[in-house]
Protein backbone atom coordinates (compact mmCIF):
# COMPACT_ATOMS: atom_id res chain seq x y z
CA MET A 1 20.66 -30.56 10.98
CA ALA A 2 18.91 -32.93 8.55
CA LYS A 3 16.07 -31.47 6.50
CA GLN A 4 13.42 -33.52 8.31
CA ALA A 5 14.72 -32.36 11.68
CA GLN A 6 14.76 -28.76 10.41
CA MET A 7 11.14 -29.07 9.27
CA GLU A 8 10.08 -30.50 12.64
CA ARG A 9 11.90 -27.70 14.44
CA LEU A 10 10.22 -25.11 12.19
CA ASN A 11 6.76 -26.52 12.95
CA ARG A 12 7.47 -26.64 16.70
CA LEU A 13 8.52 -23.00 16.64
CA GLY A 14 5.41 -22.24 14.63
CA GLU A 15 3.22 -23.80 17.31
CA GLN A 16 5.04 -21.78 19.98
CA TRP A 17 5.09 -18.53 18.00
CA PRO A 18 1.88 -16.87 19.36
CA ALA A 19 3.13 -17.28 22.93
CA LEU A 20 6.63 -16.10 22.01
CA ARG A 21 5.28 -13.14 20.04
CA ASP A 22 3.02 -12.02 22.89
CA SER A 23 5.39 -12.84 25.74
CA GLY A 24 6.37 -9.22 26.32
CA ASP A 25 10.05 -10.15 26.07
CA PRO A 26 11.39 -8.50 22.85
CA ASN A 27 14.67 -10.43 23.00
CA GLN A 28 12.85 -13.76 23.20
CA LYS A 29 10.57 -12.77 20.34
CA LEU A 30 13.46 -11.58 18.16
CA SER A 31 15.52 -14.69 18.86
CA ALA A 32 12.64 -17.02 17.94
CA GLN A 33 11.80 -15.06 14.80
CA SER A 34 15.44 -15.06 13.70
CA GLU A 35 15.63 -18.84 14.09
CA ILE A 36 12.34 -19.29 12.23
CA PHE A 37 13.50 -17.25 9.23
CA GLU A 38 16.92 -18.92 9.20
CA LEU A 39 15.12 -22.27 8.94
CA ILE A 40 12.77 -20.93 6.24
CA PHE A 41 15.81 -19.70 4.30
CA GLN A 42 17.44 -23.14 4.50
CA LEU A 43 14.29 -25.13 3.76
CA PHE A 44 12.87 -22.99 0.95
CA THR A 45 16.07 -21.99 -0.84
CA ALA A 46 14.36 -21.84 -4.24
CA LYS A 47 11.92 -19.25 -2.93
CA VAL A 48 14.28 -16.90 -1.05
CA ASP A 49 13.52 -14.05 -3.46
CA ALA A 50 10.03 -13.98 -1.97
CA LEU A 51 11.14 -13.77 1.68
CA THR A 52 10.87 -9.99 1.98
CA PRO A 53 7.27 -9.67 0.69
CA PHE A 54 6.41 -12.84 2.66
CA PHE A 55 7.69 -11.24 5.85
CA GLU A 56 5.84 -7.98 5.17
CA ARG A 57 2.50 -9.31 3.94
CA ASP A 58 2.04 -12.88 5.17
CA TRP A 59 4.02 -13.45 8.33
CA PRO A 60 1.78 -11.21 10.52
CA HIS A 61 -1.20 -13.44 9.60
CA PHE A 62 0.32 -16.82 10.50
CA ASP A 63 -1.97 -18.79 12.81
CA PRO A 64 -0.79 -22.27 13.91
CA GLN A 65 -4.42 -23.25 14.60
CA LYS A 66 -5.05 -23.12 10.84
CA GLY A 67 -2.11 -25.32 9.84
CA SER A 68 1.60 -25.93 10.23
CA LEU A 69 4.20 -23.27 9.57
CA GLU A 70 5.70 -25.51 6.89
CA GLN A 71 2.41 -25.53 4.95
CA PHE A 72 1.94 -21.80 5.46
CA CYS A 73 5.43 -21.03 4.11
CA ALA A 74 5.08 -23.32 1.11
CA THR A 75 1.77 -21.77 0.09
CA ARG A 76 2.51 -18.12 0.76
CA LEU A 77 6.06 -18.09 -0.62
CA LYS A 78 4.73 -19.56 -3.86
CA LEU A 79 2.15 -16.77 -4.09
CA ARG A 80 4.73 -14.06 -3.43
CA LEU A 81 7.00 -15.48 -6.13
CA GLN A 82 4.06 -15.36 -8.53
CA ASP A 83 3.53 -11.71 -7.55
CA GLU A 84 7.16 -10.89 -8.37
CA THR A 85 6.90 -12.66 -11.72
CA LEU A 86 3.68 -10.86 -12.64
CA TRP A 87 5.21 -7.49 -11.72
CA GLU A 88 8.24 -8.14 -13.92
CA GLN A 89 5.92 -9.09 -16.81
CA GLY A 90 4.11 -5.78 -16.62
CA TRP A 91 1.09 -6.75 -14.55
CA ARG A 92 -0.08 -4.35 -11.85
CA ARG A 93 -2.45 -4.63 -8.88
CA ARG A 94 -5.51 -2.48 -9.45
CA GLN A 95 -8.66 -1.83 -7.49
CA ILE A 96 -11.53 -3.50 -9.35
CA THR A 97 -15.20 -2.78 -8.61
CA ASP A 98 -17.73 -5.54 -9.28
CA GLN A 99 -20.44 -3.88 -11.37
CA LYS A 100 -23.20 -5.95 -9.77
CA THR A 101 -22.27 -6.07 -6.09
CA ARG A 102 -20.16 -2.85 -6.10
CA GLU A 103 -17.63 -4.71 -3.96
CA LYS A 104 -14.02 -3.60 -4.41
CA THR A 105 -11.07 -5.97 -4.63
CA ARG A 106 -7.43 -5.58 -5.64
CA GLN A 107 -6.48 -7.78 -8.57
CA TRP A 108 -3.58 -8.27 -10.95
CA VAL A 109 -4.47 -6.82 -14.36
CA GLN A 110 -2.62 -6.26 -17.61
CA ASN A 111 -3.37 -4.38 -20.78
CA GLN A 112 -5.71 -6.38 -22.95
CA SER A 113 -4.38 -8.06 -26.07
CA LEU A 114 -4.26 -5.74 -29.06
CA GLN A 115 -6.02 -8.43 -31.08
CA GLN A 116 -8.97 -8.72 -28.70
CA THR A 117 -12.19 -7.61 -30.40
CA VAL A 118 -14.21 -4.82 -28.88
CA ASP A 119 -17.43 -4.96 -30.88
CA GLU A 120 -20.23 -7.52 -31.14
CA GLN A 121 -19.41 -8.28 -34.77
CA GLY A 122 -15.85 -9.27 -33.88
CA GLU A 123 -14.45 -6.95 -36.53
CA THR A 124 -12.79 -4.21 -34.51
CA THR A 125 -9.79 -4.95 -32.32
CA ARG A 126 -8.08 -2.82 -29.68
CA GLN A 127 -5.29 -2.26 -32.19
CA ASP A 128 -7.81 -0.70 -34.56
CA LEU A 129 -8.73 1.77 -31.84
CA LEU A 130 -5.17 2.80 -31.04
CA ALA A 131 -4.90 5.24 -33.93
CA SER A 132 -7.88 7.25 -32.73
CA GLU A 133 -6.97 6.90 -29.04
CA GLU A 134 -3.29 7.75 -29.40
CA ARG A 135 -3.84 11.43 -30.11
CA TYR A 136 -5.73 11.77 -26.83
CA ALA A 137 -3.23 9.84 -24.73
CA THR A 138 -0.51 12.50 -24.74
CA ASP A 139 -2.96 15.23 -23.78
CA ALA A 140 -4.42 13.10 -20.97
CA ALA A 141 -0.97 12.31 -19.58
CA ALA A 142 0.01 15.96 -19.77
CA LEU A 143 -3.19 16.96 -17.97
CA CYS A 144 -2.54 14.43 -15.21
CA ASP A 145 1.05 15.60 -14.81
CA GLY A 146 -0.09 19.19 -14.79
CA CYS A 147 -2.54 18.50 -11.94
CA MET A 148 0.13 16.65 -10.00
CA LEU A 149 2.57 19.53 -10.47
CA GLN A 150 -0.04 21.99 -9.19
CA LEU A 151 -0.80 19.83 -6.18
CA LEU A 152 2.87 19.24 -5.35
CA THR A 153 3.64 22.94 -5.68
CA LEU A 154 0.74 23.77 -3.37
CA MET A 155 2.00 21.34 -0.72
CA LEU A 156 5.55 22.71 -0.96
CA ASP A 157 4.18 26.22 -0.38
CA LEU A 158 1.60 25.13 2.18
CA PRO A 159 2.90 27.23 5.12
CA GLN A 160 2.56 30.34 2.93
CA LYS A 161 -0.92 29.36 1.68
CA LEU A 162 -2.49 29.07 5.12
CA HIS A 163 -3.23 32.31 6.87
CA GLY A 164 -4.19 33.46 10.35
CA ARG A 165 -5.31 30.80 12.82
CA ALA A 166 -5.32 28.19 10.06
CA ASN A 167 -1.53 28.43 9.78
CA ASN A 168 -0.63 26.15 12.68
CA PRO A 169 1.41 22.93 13.01
CA GLN A 170 -1.68 20.80 13.69
CA ARG A 171 -3.43 21.79 10.46
CA LEU A 172 -0.22 21.44 8.43
CA ASN A 173 0.14 17.93 9.80
CA TYR A 174 -3.43 16.98 8.91
CA PHE A 175 -3.15 18.37 5.39
CA ARG A 176 0.07 16.46 4.76
CA MET A 177 -1.59 13.29 6.05
CA PHE A 178 -4.48 13.75 3.59
CA PHE A 179 -2.00 14.48 0.80
CA THR A 180 -0.04 11.31 1.64
CA ASP A 181 -3.25 9.28 1.63
CA SER A 182 -4.18 10.57 -1.84
CA ILE A 183 -0.69 10.09 -3.34
CA VAL A 184 -0.58 6.45 -2.25
CA ASP A 185 -4.07 5.97 -3.71
CA ILE A 186 -2.90 7.44 -7.03
CA VAL A 187 0.16 5.21 -7.36
CA HIS A 188 -1.83 2.13 -6.30
CA THR A 189 -4.57 2.62 -8.90
CA MET A 190 -2.71 4.02 -11.89
CA GLU A 191 0.75 4.41 -13.31
CA ALA A 192 2.57 7.03 -11.27
CA PRO A 193 2.47 10.40 -13.09
CA THR A 194 5.83 11.49 -14.49
CA THR A 195 5.85 14.49 -12.15
CA LEU A 196 5.98 12.23 -9.09
CA ARG A 197 9.02 10.43 -10.45
CA GLU A 198 10.86 13.53 -11.68
CA ARG A 199 10.14 15.52 -8.50
CA GLU A 200 10.68 12.61 -6.13
CA ARG A 201 12.79 14.58 -3.64
CA ASP A 202 10.17 17.32 -3.42
CA LEU A 203 7.41 14.74 -3.10
CA PHE A 204 8.98 12.96 -0.15
CA SER A 205 9.79 16.25 1.56
CA VAL A 206 6.05 16.99 1.94
CA LEU A 207 4.65 13.50 2.50
CA GLN A 208 3.80 12.76 6.13
CA LEU A 209 6.26 9.88 6.29
CA SER A 210 5.48 8.61 9.79
CA PHE A 211 1.81 8.34 8.81
CA GLN A 212 2.79 6.61 5.58
CA ASP A 213 4.93 4.15 7.53
CA PHE A 214 1.95 3.53 9.82
CA PHE A 215 -0.50 2.45 7.11
CA LEU A 216 1.86 0.72 4.64
CA THR A 217 3.47 -2.67 5.18
CA THR A 218 6.87 -1.38 4.05
CA VAL A 219 8.98 1.72 4.58
CA CYS A 220 8.95 3.50 1.20
CA ARG A 221 11.29 6.32 0.30
CA THR A 222 11.08 6.23 -3.50
CA THR A 223 8.15 6.50 -5.91
CA GLU A 224 8.86 3.02 -7.24
CA GLU A 225 8.69 1.57 -3.73
CA LEU A 226 5.36 3.33 -3.23
CA CYS A 227 4.01 1.80 -6.45
CA ARG A 228 4.82 -1.68 -5.17
CA SER A 229 3.59 -1.12 -1.63
CA HIS A 230 0.49 -2.45 0.11
CA ASN A 231 -1.73 -1.09 2.84
CA ARG A 232 -1.61 -2.79 6.20
CA PRO A 233 -4.69 -4.84 7.02
CA TYR A 234 -7.36 -2.59 8.54
CA GLY A 235 -7.50 -4.74 11.69
CA GLN A 236 -3.76 -4.32 12.29
CA MET A 237 -4.19 -0.58 12.52
CA VAL A 238 -7.58 -0.45 14.24
CA PRO A 239 -8.38 -3.42 16.51
CA GLY A 240 -11.67 -5.07 15.68
CA ARG A 241 -11.73 -4.03 12.04
CA PRO A 242 -11.55 -6.61 9.18
CA MET A 243 -8.11 -8.03 8.41
CA GLU A 244 -8.12 -6.75 4.83
CA GLU A 245 -6.60 -3.79 3.02
CA PRO A 246 -8.70 -0.66 3.48
CA ASP A 247 -9.61 1.56 0.55
CA HIS A 248 -8.51 5.15 0.05
CA PRO A 249 -9.20 7.66 1.37
CA LEU A 250 -8.37 5.79 4.55
CA PRO A 251 -11.17 5.57 7.12
CA ASN A 252 -11.19 8.25 9.81
CA ASP A 253 -10.43 5.75 12.58
CA VAL A 254 -7.09 4.93 10.92
CA TYR A 255 -6.15 8.57 11.35
CA CYS A 256 -7.39 8.48 14.95
CA ALA A 257 -5.34 5.34 15.70
CA TYR A 258 -2.22 6.86 14.17
CA LEU A 259 -2.55 10.13 16.09
CA GLU A 260 -3.11 8.32 19.37
CA GLN A 261 -0.02 6.17 18.77
CA GLU A 262 2.13 9.04 17.49
CA THR A 263 1.11 11.86 19.83
CA GLY A 264 -0.80 10.14 22.62
CA SER A 265 -3.81 12.34 21.90
CA ARG A 266 -7.29 10.95 21.27
CA VAL A 267 -9.06 12.54 18.34
CA GLY A 268 -12.68 11.99 17.40
CA ASP A 269 -14.14 11.13 14.02
CA SER A 270 -15.65 14.60 13.65
CA ALA A 271 -12.26 16.28 14.09
CA ILE A 272 -10.86 14.29 11.15
CA SER A 273 -13.92 15.09 9.02
CA ASN A 274 -13.66 18.81 9.79
CA GLN A 275 -9.98 18.89 8.87
CA ARG A 276 -10.69 16.94 5.67
CA THR A 277 -13.37 19.48 4.71
CA ALA A 278 -10.88 22.31 5.23
CA TYR A 279 -8.33 20.46 3.08
CA LYS A 280 -10.83 20.06 0.23
CA GLN A 281 -11.69 23.74 0.40
CA LEU A 282 -7.99 24.59 0.14
CA LEU A 283 -7.66 22.42 -2.98
CA LYS A 284 -10.70 24.04 -4.60
CA GLY A 285 -9.26 27.47 -3.95
CA PHE A 286 -5.81 26.88 -5.44
CA LEU A 287 -6.13 24.11 -8.03
CA CYS A 288 -7.66 24.67 -11.42
């Protein structure tokens, strides 16, 4: 099939995609999606390295009313390639808070240049500060790793730490969900502590993986995969909410939506809050 014919076919499938996606026929949906991505692979060969993040992050948001599938692919695949390049160059996505509006966004950031000045006179650079900062860095990293080791050890021993009526499968499940929420927050906003990498098997044995799979766009089973992951848009998890990544800790209604999907039980906001309070009390009691 000539390239022009392939592009026309791609755009026709793009126009039909909402109806195919919502048809209720999984075979029809899968067949159409397979053809779409085969065409994307053939038409955007130079950008195939970006297909996986494109599928995970962008494809769910395609809307033919806002433009053709060809345009959507060209724009989004380019952005995902830029993401991959930035990651390889040492940039990381961090949550940034605007000091005036207090609005939070996730942006790509990198360590500032060592030659950038840090005083009004333009005399002191970041490199000048390294000598005084370096002696604190090791202690800070050790403190962070120490806290992570304490927390991980607590979660591994959780069944033995809960007593009486508190030691029940429901509470264990909630506490592991809260733990999973906090771990993903940590690796999304800072470099993953060494403990999480060295004790990866222990870490993933106590994470609530089905909950993690629910709120992340990708299935992650290594610490490195977690570091590169993204939250699902809020509106994908809870209908009617904004189609943007939620902050951590995740809103209570995300927990409610997950529990209803996973167990078929409807849980109220207050139930989540009460369990979260109990979890915080546990941490205060066992962590220094």
